[in-house]
């Protein structure tokens, strides 16, 4: 009796795992579609406006990505020193937040992936 319950529990857990895998496969397919459409989307947005585009289903805003700077050697040295100090601190102290347990799903690229 207890073995049947344990087997049923395992089956339920495996169903949940399979559902997560299916969802990840669908997400990968959608992300692939987004990547394919993105260049045309950017051109379409630029053709319509250089600011904000309002539609019944979304508001699309133009943003700039983060800039990059070439810092002088003294600033680069300070940054490296700060990184080293932070690493030393992290070795000696526990984090104040974070460190949640997560379960990562990495798709293996089998037949399921080709179906999307």
Protein backbone atom coordinates (compact mmCIF):
# COMPACT_ATOMS: atom_id res chain seq x y z
CA UNK A 1 0.00 0.00 0.00
CA UNK A 2 2.76 2.43 0.98
CA UNK A 3 4.73 1.49 -2.15
CA UNK A 4 1.69 2.31 -4.33
CA UNK A 5 1.37 5.72 -2.69
CA UNK A 6 5.07 6.43 -3.19
CA UNK A 7 4.82 5.34 -6.84
CA UNK A 8 1.77 7.56 -7.34
CA UNK A 9 3.62 10.49 -5.76
CA UNK A 10 6.58 9.91 -8.09
CA UNK A 11 4.23 9.79 -11.09
CA UNK A 12 2.62 13.08 -10.02
CA UNK A 13 6.04 14.68 -9.61
CA UNK A 14 7.14 13.41 -13.03
CA UNK A 15 3.96 14.84 -14.59
CA UNK A 16 4.79 18.24 -13.12
CA UNK A 17 8.37 17.97 -14.39
CA UNK A 18 7.12 17.02 -17.87
CA UNK A 19 4.73 19.96 -17.84
CA UNK A 20 7.63 22.31 -16.99
CA UNK A 21 9.68 20.83 -19.84
CA UNK A 22 6.76 21.32 -22.27
CA UNK A 23 6.38 24.94 -21.15
CA UNK A 24 10.11 25.56 -21.56
CA UNK A 25 9.96 24.12 -25.10
CA UNK A 26 7.06 26.42 -25.96
CA UNK A 27 8.94 29.36 -24.45
CA UNK A 28 12.03 28.52 -26.54
CA UNK A 29 9.88 28.43 -29.68
CA UNK A 30 8.31 31.80 -28.84
CA UNK A 31 11.71 33.34 -28.07
CA UNK A 32 12.96 32.09 -31.45
CA UNK A 33 9.98 33.73 -33.18
CA UNK A 34 10.63 36.99 -31.33
CA UNK A 35 14.28 36.99 -32.42
CA UNK A 36 13.23 36.42 -36.03
CA UNK A 37 10.72 39.30 -36.01
CA UNK A 38 12.81 41.75 -33.96
CA UNK A 39 14.74 43.44 -36.84
CA UNK A 40 11.53 44.12 -38.79
CA UNK A 41 9.81 45.26 -35.58
CA UNK A 42 12.56 47.82 -34.96
CA UNK A 43 12.30 49.11 -38.53
CA UNK A 44 8.50 49.36 -38.27
CA UNK A 45 8.70 51.27 -34.98
CA UNK A 46 11.32 53.67 -36.36
CA UNK A 47 9.17 54.29 -39.45
CA UNK A 48 6.16 55.23 -37.32
CA UNK A 49 7.73 57.27 -34.52
CA UNK A 50 10.94 58.26 -32.78
CA UNK A 51 9.27 58.22 -29.37
CA UNK A 52 6.19 56.46 -28.05
CA UNK A 53 3.73 54.32 -30.02
CA UNK A 54 0.28 53.74 -28.53
CA UNK A 55 -1.86 50.81 -29.68
CA UNK A 56 -4.99 49.31 -28.10
CA UNK A 57 -2.89 46.40 -26.77
CA UNK A 58 0.42 48.03 -25.87
CA UNK A 59 2.49 51.14 -25.45
CA UNK A 60 5.87 50.89 -27.14
CA UNK A 61 8.59 53.26 -25.97
CA UNK A 62 11.99 53.96 -27.44
CA UNK A 63 14.88 53.59 -24.97
CA UNK A 64 18.63 53.76 -25.23
CA UNK A 65 20.77 50.91 -23.97
CA UNK A 66 23.36 51.58 -21.30
CA UNK A 67 26.41 53.50 -22.48
CA UNK A 68 30.04 52.47 -22.08
CA UNK A 69 32.96 54.62 -21.07
CA UNK A 70 36.73 54.22 -21.27
CA UNK A 71 37.95 55.17 -17.81
CA UNK A 72 41.40 56.49 -16.98
CA UNK A 73 43.91 54.03 -15.43
CA UNK A 74 43.48 55.34 -11.85
CA UNK A 75 39.72 54.78 -12.01
CA UNK A 76 40.20 51.30 -13.49
CA UNK A 77 42.62 50.51 -10.64
CA UNK A 78 40.09 51.70 -8.03
CA UNK A 79 37.42 49.51 -9.62
CA UNK A 80 39.72 46.46 -9.51
CA UNK A 81 40.58 47.20 -5.87
CA UNK A 82 36.88 47.48 -5.01
CA UNK A 83 36.14 44.14 -6.72
CA UNK A 84 38.94 42.49 -4.73
CA UNK A 85 37.67 44.01 -1.47
CA UNK A 86 34.14 42.80 -2.23
CA UNK A 87 35.38 39.26 -2.91
CA UNK A 88 37.30 39.26 0.37
CA UNK A 89 34.21 40.52 2.20
CA UNK A 90 32.00 37.84 0.58
CA UNK A 91 34.39 35.10 1.70
CA UNK A 92 34.13 36.29 5.31
CA UNK A 93 30.41 37.13 5.52
CA UNK A 94 27.12 35.45 4.67
CA UNK A 95 24.80 37.22 2.21
CA UNK A 96 22.02 39.36 3.67
CA UNK A 97 19.50 38.18 1.06
CA UNK A 98 19.24 35.93 -1.95
CA UNK A 99 20.55 32.39 -2.16
CA UNK A 100 17.17 30.87 -2.92
CA UNK A 101 17.10 27.28 -4.12
CA UNK A 102 16.13 27.14 -7.79
CA UNK A 103 15.71 24.27 -10.20
CA UNK A 104 17.07 25.02 -13.65
CA UNK A 105 15.68 23.32 -16.76
CA UNK A 106 18.16 22.95 -19.62
CA UNK A 107 16.59 21.58 -22.78
CA UNK A 108 18.63 18.82 -24.38
CA UNK A 109 17.58 19.55 -27.97
CA UNK A 110 15.91 16.19 -28.61
CA UNK A 111 12.95 15.48 -30.89
CA UNK A 112 10.60 17.62 -28.77
CA UNK A 113 12.57 20.77 -29.62
CA UNK A 114 12.27 20.13 -33.35
CA UNK A 115 8.48 19.97 -33.10
CA UNK A 116 8.27 23.69 -32.32
